[in-house]
Amino acid sequence: MSMPSEFQKRRTFAIISHPDAGKTTLTEKLLLFGG
């Protein structure tokens, strides 16, 4: 696989919030709908 296509497939995101603010649920939803 060529480098440019490998970079195009990558998705990077960060969630910064209070530990008890429902981060896990949000992350699970993003992974579920994001593929």
Protein backbone atom coordinates (compact mmCIF):
# COMPACT_ATOMS: atom_id res chain seq x y z
CA MET A 1 0.00 0.00 0.00
CA SER A 2 1.40 3.38 -0.93
CA MET A 3 2.08 6.00 1.70
CA PRO A 4 -0.40 8.66 0.46
CA SER A 5 -3.34 6.24 0.51
CA GLU A 6 -2.32 5.04 3.98
CA PHE A 7 -2.43 8.62 5.27
CA GLN A 8 -5.83 9.21 3.67
CA LYS A 9 -7.29 6.26 5.60
CA ARG A 10 -6.17 7.57 8.97
CA ARG A 11 -8.58 9.40 11.22
CA THR A 12 -7.28 11.13 14.32
CA PHE A 13 -9.43 12.68 16.99
CA ALA A 14 -9.06 13.72 20.59
CA ILE A 15 -11.66 14.14 23.28
CA ILE A 16 -10.61 16.28 26.22
CA SER A 17 -13.17 16.64 28.99
CA HIS A 18 -13.93 15.95 32.61
CA PRO A 19 -13.50 12.21 33.37
CA ASP A 20 -17.17 11.83 34.37
CA ALA A 21 -18.62 13.70 31.39
CA GLY A 22 -19.69 10.67 29.32
CA LYS A 23 -16.51 10.38 27.25
CA THR A 24 -16.74 6.61 26.90
CA THR A 25 -20.24 6.71 25.43
CA LEU A 26 -19.26 9.44 22.97
CA THR A 27 -16.15 7.53 21.90
CA GLU A 28 -18.15 4.33 21.39
CA LYS A 29 -20.69 6.20 19.23
CA LEU A 30 -17.91 7.76 17.12
CA LEU A 31 -16.31 4.36 16.57
CA LEU A 32 -19.67 2.75 15.79
CA PHE A 33 -20.72 5.34 13.21
CA GLY A 34 -17.22 6.09 11.93
CA GLY A 35 -16.46 2.53 10.91
